[in-house]
């Protein structure tokens, strides 16, 4: 099959300017956090959900809200708390005594970008309701199912699970997140800019530069980027190495891994690598695109044993060893 890489690259360049404008608008209110912003853009280009983990005050909410404004998307923020009910999320049936009938009151989940703030503070029933929305892009109220408008993305913030009042998310739900991004403290220079902006009362408004229709056009272009079979096989090998490390001369990792990454990891790694290539202005995917994004796709899908915890090994450490060992085409 002949693939016209040059034509694909021309289409990429036609749309890349708009995404740079989106990045510039978000940069008005977001200082630093380049990796987080790039990963959020990858999620928007692929329709994947994102889990952001970090301590409070690291601009997670600011970044998501600014991105929604730049994309002219409907945005809702939902604060997850231990007393949150599924009806508070998806809506409920309301009885109208005048008409003697029930009507539907839709919840805040009916928006394009959902900020699920401190998602790991809510009980399991709420997580189940959110899981349907994330996977099926629909919710069920009473006996009626309602489709959610596209684009639909859940961008969830999570406090480190060592904090009091937090609960580990179910593995099935965690696997629905395309990316898990670890948000770290800013540098001293970046933090100085934040402090100066507050002290000088500098307020900047984010202007919309894209709309959902244009975003859908860009996503179609991303879907045309060429991905060679050798790169696909590389993705499959990386994921397989988290399940059967001994097959890739990584026997030392076998006692450390309870469960490897699921097939959804292979799909998401391919999709995210394509989006990464698009952001780089290329019409094709390289193995480096896979390596650049692999940590964010795999870190929450590799479940470690107690032995790994005893040795202070993290899933990031395991994924890095896999990337160092699996042959690159």
C-alpha atoms as a PDB file:
ATOM      1  CA  UNK A   1       0.000   0.000   0.000  1.00  0.00           C
ATOM      2  CA  UNK A   2       1.449   3.348  -1.056  1.00  0.00           C
ATOM      3  CA  UNK A   3       1.305   6.121   1.545  1.00  0.00           C
ATOM      4  CA  UNK A   4       1.915   9.724   0.515  1.00  0.00           C
ATOM      5  CA  UNK A   5       3.909  10.965   3.524  1.00  0.00           C
ATOM      6  CA  UNK A   6       4.465  14.379   1.971  1.00  0.00           C
ATOM      7  CA  UNK A   7       0.741  14.969   1.502  1.00  0.00           C
ATOM      8  CA  UNK A   8       0.061  13.920   5.106  1.00  0.00           C
ATOM      9  CA  UNK A   9       2.797  16.274   6.324  1.00  0.00           C
ATOM     10  CA  UNK A  10       1.227  19.175   4.388  1.00  0.00           C
ATOM     11  CA  UNK A  11      -2.109  18.495   6.088  1.00  0.00           C
ATOM     12  CA  UNK A  12      -0.360  18.348   9.462  1.00  0.00           C
ATOM     13  CA  UNK A  13       1.300  21.715   8.881  1.00  0.00           C
ATOM     14  CA  UNK A  14      -2.016  23.261   7.800  1.00  0.00           C
ATOM     15  CA  UNK A  15      -3.514  22.531  11.208  1.00  0.00           C
ATOM     16  CA  UNK A  16      -0.466  22.755  13.477  1.00  0.00           C
ATOM     17  CA  UNK A  17      -0.608  26.578  13.584  1.00  0.00           C
ATOM     18  CA  UNK A  18      -3.999  26.447  15.276  1.00  0.00           C
ATOM     19  CA  UNK A  19      -2.705  24.109  17.943  1.00  0.00           C
ATOM     20  CA  UNK A  20       0.246  26.414  18.548  1.00  0.00           C
ATOM     21  CA  UNK A  21      -2.272  29.224  19.048  1.00  0.00           C
ATOM     22  CA  UNK A  22      -4.085  27.046  21.592  1.00  0.00           C
ATOM     23  CA  UNK A  23      -0.793  26.426  23.368  1.00  0.00           C
ATOM     24  CA  UNK A  24      -0.029  30.158  23.368  1.00  0.00           C
ATOM     25  CA  UNK A  25      -3.434  31.032  24.839  1.00  0.00           C
ATOM     26  CA  UNK A  26      -3.047  28.486  27.641  1.00  0.00           C
ATOM     27  CA  UNK A  27       0.437  29.864  28.279  1.00  0.00           C
ATOM     28  CA  UNK A  28      -1.151  33.198  29.225  1.00  0.00           C
ATOM     29  CA  UNK A  29      -2.232  31.701  32.539  1.00  0.00           C
ATOM     30  CA  UNK A  30      -0.040  28.613  32.855  1.00  0.00           C
ATOM     31  CA  UNK A  31       3.609  29.048  33.815  1.00  0.00           C
ATOM     32  CA  UNK A  32       5.914  26.106  33.123  1.00  0.00           C
ATOM     33  CA  UNK A  33       4.394  22.594  33.119  1.00  0.00           C
ATOM     34  CA  UNK A  34       5.316  22.054  29.448  1.00  0.00           C
ATOM     35  CA  UNK A  35       4.966  18.291  29.675  1.00  0.00           C
ATOM     36  CA  UNK A  36       1.510  18.509  31.235  1.00  0.00           C
ATOM     37  CA  UNK A  37       0.287  20.875  28.509  1.00  0.00           C
ATOM     38  CA  UNK A  38       1.657  18.671  25.712  1.00  0.00           C
ATOM     39  CA  UNK A  39      -0.011  15.612  27.214  1.00  0.00           C
ATOM     40  CA  UNK A  40      -3.334  17.426  27.539  1.00  0.00           C
ATOM     41  CA  UNK A  41      -3.128  18.337  23.846  1.00  0.00           C
ATOM     42  CA  UNK A  42      -2.386  14.702  22.991  1.00  0.00           C
ATOM     43  CA  UNK A  43      -5.485  13.679  24.937  1.00  0.00           C
ATOM     44  CA  UNK A  44      -7.608  16.212  23.029  1.00  0.00           C
ATOM     45  CA  UNK A  45      -6.279  14.905  19.695  1.00  0.00           C
ATOM     46  CA  UNK A  46      -7.017  11.286  20.540  1.00  0.00           C
ATOM     47  CA  UNK A  47     -10.149  11.533  22.671  1.00  0.00           C
ATOM     48  CA  UNK A  48      -8.395   9.926  25.633  1.00  0.00           C
ATOM     49  CA  UNK A  49      -9.084  10.620  29.282  1.00  0.00           C
ATOM     50  CA  UNK A  50      -6.325  11.950  31.545  1.00  0.00           C
ATOM     51  CA  UNK A  51      -5.443  11.359  35.185  1.00  0.00           C
ATOM     52  CA  UNK A  52      -3.346  14.130  36.714  1.00  0.00           C
ATOM     53  CA  UNK A  53      -1.625  13.317  39.985  1.00  0.00           C
ATOM     54  CA  UNK A  54       0.075  15.892  42.140  1.00  0.00           C
ATOM     55  CA  UNK A  55      -0.218  17.899  45.301  1.00  0.00           C
ATOM     56  CA  UNK A  56      -2.709  20.798  45.459  1.00  0.00           C
ATOM     57  CA  UNK A  57      -1.638  24.151  44.050  1.00  0.00           C
ATOM     58  CA  UNK A  58       0.314  22.936  41.015  1.00  0.00           C
ATOM     59  CA  UNK A  59      -1.954  24.570  38.374  1.00  0.00           C
ATOM     60  CA  UNK A  60      -3.754  21.383  37.324  1.00  0.00           C
ATOM     61  CA  UNK A  61      -7.183  23.026  37.421  1.00  0.00           C
ATOM     62  CA  UNK A  62      -5.850  26.212  35.825  1.00  0.00           C
ATOM     63  CA  UNK A  63      -4.440  24.281  32.868  1.00  0.00           C
ATOM     64  CA  UNK A  64      -7.633  22.331  32.195  1.00  0.00           C
ATOM     65  CA  UNK A  65      -9.907  25.355  32.492  1.00  0.00           C
ATOM     66  CA  UNK A  66      -7.662  27.388  30.169  1.00  0.00           C
ATOM     67  CA  UNK A  67      -7.620  24.575  27.613  1.00  0.00           C
ATOM     68  CA  UNK A  68     -11.421  24.418  27.608  1.00  0.00           C
ATOM     69  CA  UNK A  69     -11.609  28.164  26.995  1.00  0.00           C
ATOM     70  CA  UNK A  70      -9.091  28.026  24.135  1.00  0.00           C
ATOM     71  CA  UNK A  71     -11.051  25.205  22.479  1.00  0.00           C
ATOM     72  CA  UNK A  72     -14.441  26.869  22.965  1.00  0.00           C
ATOM     73  CA  UNK A  73     -15.690  23.753  24.728  1.00  0.00           C
ATOM     74  CA  UNK A  74     -18.310  23.534  27.432  1.00  0.00           C
ATOM     75  CA  UNK A  75     -16.523  22.991  30.722  1.00  0.00           C
ATOM     76  CA  UNK A  76     -17.798  21.716  34.060  1.00  0.00           C
ATOM     77  CA  UNK A  77     -15.855  21.206  37.248  1.00  0.00           C
ATOM     78  CA  UNK A  78     -17.083  18.562  39.679  1.00  0.00           C
ATOM     79  CA  UNK A  79     -15.622  18.405  43.172  1.00  0.00           C
ATOM     80  CA  UNK A  80     -15.484  14.776  44.240  1.00  0.00           C
ATOM     81  CA  UNK A  81     -16.193  14.289  47.952  1.00  0.00           C
ATOM     82  CA  UNK A  82     -16.964  11.270  50.167  1.00  0.00           C
ATOM     83  CA  UNK A  83     -20.683  12.193  50.273  1.00  0.00           C
ATOM     84  CA  UNK A  84     -21.083  12.642  46.489  1.00  0.00           C
ATOM     85  CA  UNK A  85     -23.913  10.601  44.962  1.00  0.00           C
ATOM     86  CA  UNK A  86     -24.205   9.259  41.382  1.00  0.00           C
ATOM     87  CA  UNK A  87     -27.207  11.561  40.867  1.00  0.00           C
ATOM     88  CA  UNK A  88     -24.989  14.556  41.704  1.00  0.00           C
ATOM     89  CA  UNK A  89     -22.835  13.545  38.753  1.00  0.00           C
ATOM     90  CA  UNK A  90     -25.152  12.283  36.010  1.00  0.00           C
ATOM     91  CA  UNK A  91     -28.527  13.750  37.034  1.00  0.00           C
ATOM     92  CA  UNK A  92     -31.794  12.247  38.219  1.00  0.00           C
ATOM     93  CA  UNK A  93     -35.537  11.910  37.624  1.00  0.00           C
ATOM     94  CA  UNK A  94     -37.631  14.720  39.142  1.00  0.00           C
ATOM     95  CA  UNK A  95     -41.357  14.296  39.822  1.00  0.00           C
ATOM     96  CA  UNK A  96     -43.604  17.096  38.588  1.00  0.00           C
ATOM     97  CA  UNK A  97     -46.786  17.007  40.748  1.00  0.00           C
ATOM     98  CA  UNK A  98     -48.619  19.447  38.476  1.00  0.00           C
ATOM     99  CA  UNK A  99     -48.275  17.201  35.437  1.00  0.00           C
ATOM    100  CA  UNK A 100     -48.137  13.970  37.402  1.00  0.00           C
ATOM    101  CA  UNK A 101     -45.039  12.773  35.545  1.00  0.00           C
ATOM    102  CA  UNK A 102     -41.279  12.455  35.926  1.00  0.00           C
ATOM    103  CA  UNK A 103     -38.800  14.634  34.056  1.00  0.00           C
ATOM    104  CA  UNK A 104     -35.062  14.312  33.653  1.00  0.00           C
ATOM    105  CA  UNK A 105     -32.679  16.785  35.224  1.00  0.00           C
ATOM    106  CA  UNK A 106     -29.264  16.308  33.656  1.00  0.00           C
ATOM    107  CA  UNK A 107     -26.176  16.540  35.834  1.00  0.00           C
ATOM    108  CA  UNK A 108     -22.844  18.327  35.305  1.00  0.00           C
ATOM    109  CA  UNK A 109     -21.430  15.349  33.387  1.00  0.00           C
ATOM    110  CA  UNK A 110     -23.203  16.771  30.311  1.00  0.00           C
ATOM    111  CA  UNK A 111     -20.327  18.915  29.043  1.00  0.00           C
ATOM    112  CA  UNK A 112     -17.348  18.530  26.696  1.00  0.00           C
ATOM    113  CA  UNK A 113     -14.543  18.755  29.241  1.00  0.00           C
ATOM    114  CA  UNK A 114     -15.171  17.428  32.718  1.00  0.00           C
ATOM    115  CA  UNK A 115     -12.752  18.298  35.479  1.00  0.00           C
ATOM    116  CA  UNK A 116     -13.169  15.575  38.085  1.00  0.00           C
ATOM    117  CA  UNK A 117     -11.363  17.285  40.932  1.00  0.00           C
ATOM    118  CA  UNK A 118      -9.844  15.010  43.592  1.00  0.00           C
ATOM    119  CA  UNK A 119     -11.469  11.983  41.960  1.00  0.00           C
ATOM    120  CA  UNK A 120     -10.086   9.552  44.523  1.00  0.00           C
ATOM    121  CA  UNK A 121     -12.135  11.060  47.359  1.00  0.00           C
ATOM    122  CA  UNK A 122     -15.501   9.761  46.037  1.00  0.00           C
ATOM    123  CA  UNK A 123     -17.144   6.396  46.847  1.00  0.00           C
ATOM    124  CA  UNK A 124     -17.319   3.422  44.477  1.00  0.00           C
ATOM    125  CA  UNK A 125     -20.905   4.024  43.271  1.00  0.00           C
ATOM    126  CA  UNK A 126     -19.885   7.419  41.905  1.00  0.00           C
ATOM    127  CA  UNK A 127     -16.858   5.853  40.219  1.00  0.00           C
ATOM    128  CA  UNK A 128     -19.145   3.291  38.560  1.00  0.00           C
ATOM    129  CA  UNK A 129     -21.382   6.030  37.154  1.00  0.00           C
ATOM    130  CA  UNK A 130     -18.341   7.883  35.852  1.00  0.00           C
ATOM    131  CA  UNK A 131     -16.960   4.691  34.325  1.00  0.00           C
ATOM    132  CA  UNK A 132     -19.995   4.317  32.048  1.00  0.00           C
ATOM    133  CA  UNK A 133     -19.606   7.885  30.850  1.00  0.00           C
ATOM    134  CA  UNK A 134     -15.881   7.436  30.177  1.00  0.00           C
ATOM    135  CA  UNK A 135     -16.200   4.146  28.318  1.00  0.00           C
ATOM    136  CA  UNK A 136     -19.559   4.398  26.545  1.00  0.00           C
ATOM    137  CA  UNK A 137     -19.860   8.193  26.217  1.00  0.00           C
ATOM    138  CA  UNK A 138     -23.350   7.872  27.621  1.00  0.00           C
ATOM    139  CA  UNK A 139     -25.102   7.870  30.990  1.00  0.00           C
ATOM    140  CA  UNK A 140     -28.205   6.067  32.198  1.00  0.00           C
ATOM    141  CA  UNK A 141     -30.814   7.969  34.200  1.00  0.00           C
ATOM    142  CA  UNK A 142     -33.712   5.787  35.258  1.00  0.00           C
ATOM    143  CA  UNK A 143     -34.347   3.444  32.327  1.00  0.00           C
ATOM    144  CA  UNK A 144     -33.202   5.929  29.677  1.00  0.00           C
ATOM    145  CA  UNK A 145     -29.695   6.281  28.220  1.00  0.00           C
ATOM    146  CA  UNK A 146     -28.414   9.657  27.053  1.00  0.00           C
ATOM    147  CA  UNK A 147     -25.487  10.239  24.691  1.00  0.00           C
ATOM    148  CA  UNK A 148     -22.825  12.738  25.703  1.00  0.00           C
ATOM    149  CA  UNK A 149     -21.767  15.407  23.236  1.00  0.00           C
ATOM    150  CA  UNK A 150     -18.442  15.105  21.433  1.00  0.00           C
ATOM    151  CA  UNK A 151     -15.749  15.826  22.250  1.00  0.00           C
ATOM    152  CA  UNK A 152     -16.120  14.298  25.695  1.00  0.00           C
ATOM    153  CA  UNK A 153     -13.075  14.063  27.928  1.00  0.00           C
ATOM    154  CA  UNK A 154     -12.653  13.434  31.623  1.00  0.00           C
ATOM    155  CA  UNK A 155      -9.630  15.203  33.026  1.00  0.00           C
ATOM    156  CA  UNK A 156      -9.305  13.983  36.586  1.00  0.00           C
ATOM    157  CA  UNK A 157      -7.033  15.268  39.311  1.00  0.00           C
ATOM    158  CA  UNK A 158      -5.903  12.866  41.981  1.00  0.00           C
ATOM    159  CA  UNK A 159      -4.137  13.479  45.246  1.00  0.00           C
ATOM    160  CA  UNK A 160      -1.311  11.064  46.095  1.00  0.00           C
ATOM    161  CA  UNK A 161      -2.945   8.062  47.760  1.00  0.00           C
ATOM    162  CA  UNK A 162      -0.793   8.493  50.839  1.00  0.00           C
ATOM    163  CA  UNK A 163      -2.990  11.439  51.836  1.00  0.00           C
ATOM    164  CA  UNK A 164      -5.793  10.880  54.336  1.00  0.00           C
ATOM    165  CA  UNK A 165      -9.316  10.573  52.963  1.00  0.00           C
ATOM    166  CA  UNK A 166      -8.240   9.178  49.587  1.00  0.00           C
ATOM    167  CA  UNK A 167      -9.066   5.775  48.125  1.00  0.00           C
ATOM    168  CA  UNK A 168      -7.320   3.845  45.344  1.00  0.00           C
ATOM    169  CA  UNK A 169      -9.375   3.875  42.141  1.00  0.00           C
ATOM    170  CA  UNK A 170     -10.570   0.499  40.776  1.00  0.00           C
ATOM    171  CA  UNK A 171      -8.104  -0.992  38.275  1.00  0.00           C
ATOM    172  CA  UNK A 172     -10.832  -1.178  35.613  1.00  0.00           C
ATOM    173  CA  UNK A 173     -11.409   2.550  35.892  1.00  0.00           C
ATOM    174  CA  UNK A 174      -7.738   3.473  36.002  1.00  0.00           C
ATOM    175  CA  UNK A 175      -7.238   1.500  32.776  1.00  0.00           C
ATOM    176  CA  UNK A 176      -9.784   3.770  31.046  1.00  0.00           C
ATOM    177  CA  UNK A 177      -7.443   6.729  31.443  1.00  0.00           C
ATOM    178  CA  UNK A 178      -5.222   6.999  28.399  1.00  0.00           C
ATOM    179  CA  UNK A 179      -2.548   8.940  30.284  1.00  0.00           C
ATOM    180  CA  UNK A 180      -1.479   9.367  33.860  1.00  0.00           C
ATOM    181  CA  UNK A 181       0.579  12.520  34.282  1.00  0.00           C
ATOM    182  CA  UNK A 182       2.661  13.198  37.377  1.00  0.00           C
ATOM    183  CA  UNK A 183       2.672  16.950  38.056  1.00  0.00           C
ATOM    184  CA  UNK A 184       5.731  18.169  39.942  1.00  0.00           C
ATOM    185  CA  UNK A 185       6.692  21.445  41.584  1.00  0.00           C
ATOM    186  CA  UNK A 186       7.694  24.346  39.309  1.00  0.00           C
ATOM    187  CA  UNK A 187      11.268  25.586  39.137  1.00  0.00           C
ATOM    188  CA  UNK A 188      12.279  28.597  41.201  1.00  0.00           C
ATOM    189  CA  UNK A 189      12.191  30.861  38.114  1.00  0.00           C
ATOM    190  CA  UNK A 190       8.711  29.628  37.150  1.00  0.00           C
ATOM    191  CA  UNK A 191       7.401  30.045  40.674  1.00  0.00           C
ATOM    192  CA  UNK A 192       8.794  33.601  40.735  1.00  0.00           C
ATOM    193  CA  UNK A 193       6.711  34.426  37.646  1.00  0.00           C
ATOM    194  CA  UNK A 194       3.604  33.065  39.363  1.00  0.00           C
ATOM    195  CA  UNK A 195       4.275  35.100  42.505  1.00  0.00           C
ATOM    196  CA  UNK A 196       4.927  38.284  40.497  1.00  0.00           C
ATOM    197  CA  UNK A 197       1.706  37.846  38.529  1.00  0.00           C
ATOM    198  CA  UNK A 198      -0.321  37.551  41.747  1.00  0.00           C
ATOM    199  CA  UNK A 199       1.414  40.424  43.529  1.00  0.00           C
ATOM    200  CA  UNK A 200       1.071  42.703  40.494  1.00  0.00           C
ATOM    201  CA  UNK A 201      -2.577  41.607  40.067  1.00  0.00           C
ATOM    202  CA  UNK A 202      -1.957  40.580  36.459  1.00  0.00           C
ATOM    203  CA  UNK A 203      -5.025  38.886  35.018  1.00  0.00           C
ATOM    204  CA  UNK A 204      -5.067  37.500  31.503  1.00  0.00           C
ATOM    205  CA  UNK A 205      -8.062  36.102  29.680  1.00  0.00           C
ATOM    206  CA  UNK A 206      -7.779  33.068  27.450  1.00  0.00           C
ATOM    207  CA  UNK A 207      -9.324  33.661  24.025  1.00  0.00           C
ATOM    208  CA  UNK A 208     -10.975  30.829  22.052  1.00  0.00           C
ATOM    209  CA  UNK A 209      -9.012  29.907  18.928  1.00  0.00           C
ATOM    210  CA  UNK A 210     -10.610  26.569  18.031  1.00  0.00           C
ATOM    211  CA  UNK A 211     -14.078  25.061  18.189  1.00  0.00           C
ATOM    212  CA  UNK A 212     -15.217  21.426  18.474  1.00  0.00           C
ATOM    213  CA  UNK A 213     -15.867  21.159  14.704  1.00  0.00           C
ATOM    214  CA  UNK A 214     -12.343  22.307  13.837  1.00  0.00           C
ATOM    215  CA  UNK A 215     -10.926  20.025  16.513  1.00  0.00           C
ATOM    216  CA  UNK A 216     -12.753  17.094  14.880  1.00  0.00           C
ATOM    217  CA  UNK A 217     -11.077  17.981  11.551  1.00  0.00           C
ATOM    218  CA  UNK A 218      -7.653  17.970  13.211  1.00  0.00           C
ATOM    219  CA  UNK A 219      -8.373  14.612  14.858  1.00  0.00           C
ATOM    220  CA  UNK A 220      -9.177  13.148  11.443  1.00  0.00           C
ATOM    221  CA  UNK A 221      -5.782  14.324  10.157  1.00  0.00           C
ATOM    222  CA  UNK A 222      -4.052  12.767  13.188  1.00  0.00           C
ATOM    223  CA  UNK A 223      -5.772   9.493  12.287  1.00  0.00           C
ATOM    224  CA  UNK A 224      -4.090   9.497   8.859  1.00  0.00           C
ATOM    225  CA  UNK A 225      -0.489   9.696  10.141  1.00  0.00           C
ATOM    226  CA  UNK A 226       1.576   6.788   8.864  1.00  0.00           C
ATOM    227  CA  UNK A 227       2.642   4.174  11.385  1.00  0.00           C
ATOM    228  CA  UNK A 228       4.920   1.476  10.029  1.00  0.00           C
ATOM    229  CA  UNK A 229       4.350  -2.147  10.986  1.00  0.00           C
ATOM    230  CA  UNK A 230       7.779  -2.224  12.645  1.00  0.00           C
ATOM    231  CA  UNK A 231       6.714   0.612  14.968  1.00  0.00           C
ATOM    232  CA  UNK A 232       3.466  -1.203  15.765  1.00  0.00           C
ATOM    233  CA  UNK A 233       5.442  -4.349  16.583  1.00  0.00           C
ATOM    234  CA  UNK A 234       7.708  -2.272  18.815  1.00  0.00           C
ATOM    235  CA  UNK A 235       4.651  -1.052  20.747  1.00  0.00           C
ATOM    236  CA  UNK A 236       3.425  -4.629  21.145  1.00  0.00           C
ATOM    237  CA  UNK A 237       6.857  -5.744  22.360  1.00  0.00           C
ATOM    238  CA  UNK A 238       7.042  -2.958  24.946  1.00  0.00           C
ATOM    239  CA  UNK A 239       3.621  -3.871  26.319  1.00  0.00           C
ATOM    240  CA  UNK A 240       4.371  -7.617  26.200  1.00  0.00           C
ATOM    241  CA  UNK A 241       7.559  -7.021  28.194  1.00  0.00           C
ATOM    242  CA  UNK A 242       5.442  -5.784  31.110  1.00  0.00           C
ATOM    243  CA  UNK A 243       3.570  -9.116  31.078  1.00  0.00           C
ATOM    244  CA  UNK A 244       6.342 -11.580  30.257  1.00  0.00           C
ATOM    245  CA  UNK A 245       9.607  -9.814  31.083  1.00  0.00           C
ATOM    246  CA  UNK A 246      11.559 -13.079  30.945  1.00  0.00           C
ATOM    247  CA  UNK A 247      10.932 -13.240  27.164  1.00  0.00           C
ATOM    248  CA  UNK A 248      12.896 -10.008  26.784  1.00  0.00           C
ATOM    249  CA  UNK A 249      15.849 -10.919  29.053  1.00  0.00           C
ATOM    250  CA  UNK A 250      14.282  -9.040  31.945  1.00  0.00           C
ATOM    251  CA  UNK A 251      13.874 -11.929  34.370  1.00  0.00           C
ATOM    252  CA  UNK A 252      14.763  -9.672  37.291  1.00  0.00           C
ATOM    253  CA  UNK A 253      11.487  -7.798  36.750  1.00  0.00           C
ATOM    254  CA  UNK A 254       9.244 -10.885  36.901  1.00  0.00           C
ATOM    255  CA  UNK A 255       8.946 -11.004  40.729  1.00  0.00           C
ATOM    256  CA  UNK A 256       8.208  -7.275  40.778  1.00  0.00           C
ATOM    257  CA  UNK A 257       5.207  -7.249  38.403  1.00  0.00           C
ATOM    258  CA  UNK A 258       1.825  -8.505  39.608  1.00  0.00           C
ATOM    259  CA  UNK A 259      -0.034  -7.620  36.416  1.00  0.00           C
ATOM    260  CA  UNK A 260       1.262  -6.233  33.155  1.00  0.00           C
ATOM    261  CA  UNK A 261      -0.397  -3.669  30.911  1.00  0.00           C
ATOM    262  CA  UNK A 262      -3.674  -4.535  29.174  1.00  0.00           C
ATOM    263  CA  UNK A 263      -4.374  -4.569  25.409  1.00  0.00           C
ATOM    264  CA  UNK A 264      -5.882  -1.130  25.904  1.00  0.00           C
ATOM    265  CA  UNK A 265      -2.325   0.017  26.646  1.00  0.00           C
ATOM    266  CA  UNK A 266      -1.182  -1.082  23.178  1.00  0.00           C
ATOM    267  CA  UNK A 267      -4.050   0.791  21.537  1.00  0.00           C
ATOM    268  CA  UNK A 268      -3.491   3.950  23.551  1.00  0.00           C
ATOM    269  CA  UNK A 269       0.265   3.868  23.042  1.00  0.00           C
ATOM    270  CA  UNK A 270      -0.229   3.778  19.264  1.00  0.00           C
ATOM    271  CA  UNK A 271      -2.792   6.582  19.354  1.00  0.00           C
ATOM    272  CA  UNK A 272      -0.714   8.759  21.673  1.00  0.00           C
ATOM    273  CA  UNK A 273       2.430   8.212  19.591  1.00  0.00           C
ATOM    274  CA  UNK A 274       0.530   9.399  16.520  1.00  0.00           C
ATOM    275  CA  UNK A 275      -0.583  12.548  18.316  1.00  0.00           C
ATOM    276  CA  UNK A 276       2.972  13.130  19.538  1.00  0.00           C
ATOM    277  CA  UNK A 277       4.222  12.927  15.947  1.00  0.00           C
ATOM    278  CA  UNK A 278       1.522  15.400  14.901  1.00  0.00           C
ATOM    279  CA  UNK A 279       2.653  17.891  17.548  1.00  0.00           C
ATOM    280  CA  UNK A 280       6.190  17.489  16.190  1.00  0.00           C
ATOM    281  CA  UNK A 281       4.954  18.409  12.698  1.00  0.00           C
ATOM    282  CA  UNK A 282       5.608  15.011  11.110  1.00  0.00           C
ATOM    283  CA  UNK A 283       3.402  12.849   8.930  1.00  0.00           C
ATOM    284  CA  UNK A 284       4.747   9.576  10.304  1.00  0.00           C
ATOM    285  CA  UNK A 285       5.408   7.938  13.671  1.00  0.00           C
ATOM    286  CA  UNK A 286       8.885   7.007  14.895  1.00  0.00           C
ATOM    287  CA  UNK A 287       9.942   4.680  17.733  1.00  0.00           C
ATOM    288  CA  UNK A 288      11.031   7.807  19.617  1.00  0.00           C
ATOM    289  CA  UNK A 289       7.402   8.994  19.638  1.00  0.00           C
ATOM    290  CA  UNK A 290       6.537   5.733  21.381  1.00  0.00           C
ATOM    291  CA  UNK A 291       9.336   6.146  23.927  1.00  0.00           C
ATOM    292  CA  UNK A 292       8.401   9.790  24.579  1.00  0.00           C
ATOM    293  CA  UNK A 293       4.860   8.935  25.610  1.00  0.00           C
ATOM    294  CA  UNK A 294       5.247   5.371  26.962  1.00  0.00           C
ATOM    295  CA  UNK A 295       5.761   6.323  30.597  1.00  0.00           C
ATOM    296  CA  UNK A 296       2.490   8.293  30.756  1.00  0.00           C
ATOM    297  CA  UNK A 297       0.543   5.503  29.023  1.00  0.00           C
ATOM    298  CA  UNK A 298       1.955   2.600  31.047  1.00  0.00           C
ATOM    299  CA  UNK A 299       2.735   3.829  34.576  1.00  0.00           C
ATOM    300  CA  UNK A 300      -0.821   3.321  35.864  1.00  0.00           C
ATOM    301  CA  UNK A 301      -1.329   0.001  34.064  1.00  0.00           C
ATOM    302  CA  UNK A 302       1.638  -1.884  35.509  1.00  0.00           C
ATOM    303  CA  UNK A 303       0.618  -3.276  38.904  1.00  0.00           C
ATOM    304  CA  UNK A 304       3.553  -4.111  41.156  1.00  0.00           C
ATOM    305  CA  UNK A 305       3.957  -6.797  43.804  1.00  0.00           C
ATOM    306  CA  UNK A 306       4.631  -6.267  47.506  1.00  0.00           C
ATOM    307  CA  UNK A 307       8.203  -7.281  46.791  1.00  0.00           C
ATOM    308  CA  UNK A 308       8.595  -4.302  44.464  1.00  0.00           C
ATOM    309  CA  UNK A 309       7.205  -1.979  47.129  1.00  0.00           C
ATOM    310  CA  UNK A 310       9.603  -3.465  49.668  1.00  0.00           C
ATOM    311  CA  UNK A 311      12.474  -2.672  47.303  1.00  0.00           C
ATOM    312  CA  UNK A 312      11.093   0.872  46.785  1.00  0.00           C
ATOM    313  CA  UNK A 313      10.555   0.179  43.073  1.00  0.00           C
ATOM    314  CA  UNK A 314       7.883   2.180  41.275  1.00  0.00           C
ATOM    315  CA  UNK A 315       6.011   1.421  38.073  1.00  0.00           C
ATOM    316  CA  UNK A 316       8.009   4.227  36.452  1.00  0.00           C
ATOM    317  CA  UNK A 317      11.226   2.366  37.287  1.00  0.00           C
ATOM    318  CA  UNK A 318       9.864  -0.828  35.718  1.00  0.00           C
ATOM    319  CA  UNK A 319       8.695   0.902  32.531  1.00  0.00           C
ATOM    320  CA  UNK A 320      12.065   2.668  32.149  1.00  0.00           C
ATOM    321  CA  UNK A 321      13.888  -0.681  32.388  1.00  0.00           C
ATOM    322  CA  UNK A 322      11.539  -2.114  29.752  1.00  0.00           C
ATOM    323  CA  UNK A 323      12.215   0.803  27.399  1.00  0.00           C
ATOM    324  CA  UNK A 324      15.948   0.426  27.911  1.00  0.00           C
ATOM    325  CA  UNK A 325      15.876  -3.296  27.112  1.00  0.00           C
ATOM    326  CA  UNK A 326      13.331  -3.843  24.331  1.00  0.00           C
ATOM    327  CA  UNK A 327      15.114  -3.592  20.942  1.00  0.00           C
ATOM    328  CA  UNK A 328      14.219  -0.479  18.935  1.00  0.00           C
ATOM    329  CA  UNK A 329      13.542  -1.043  15.211  1.00  0.00           C
END
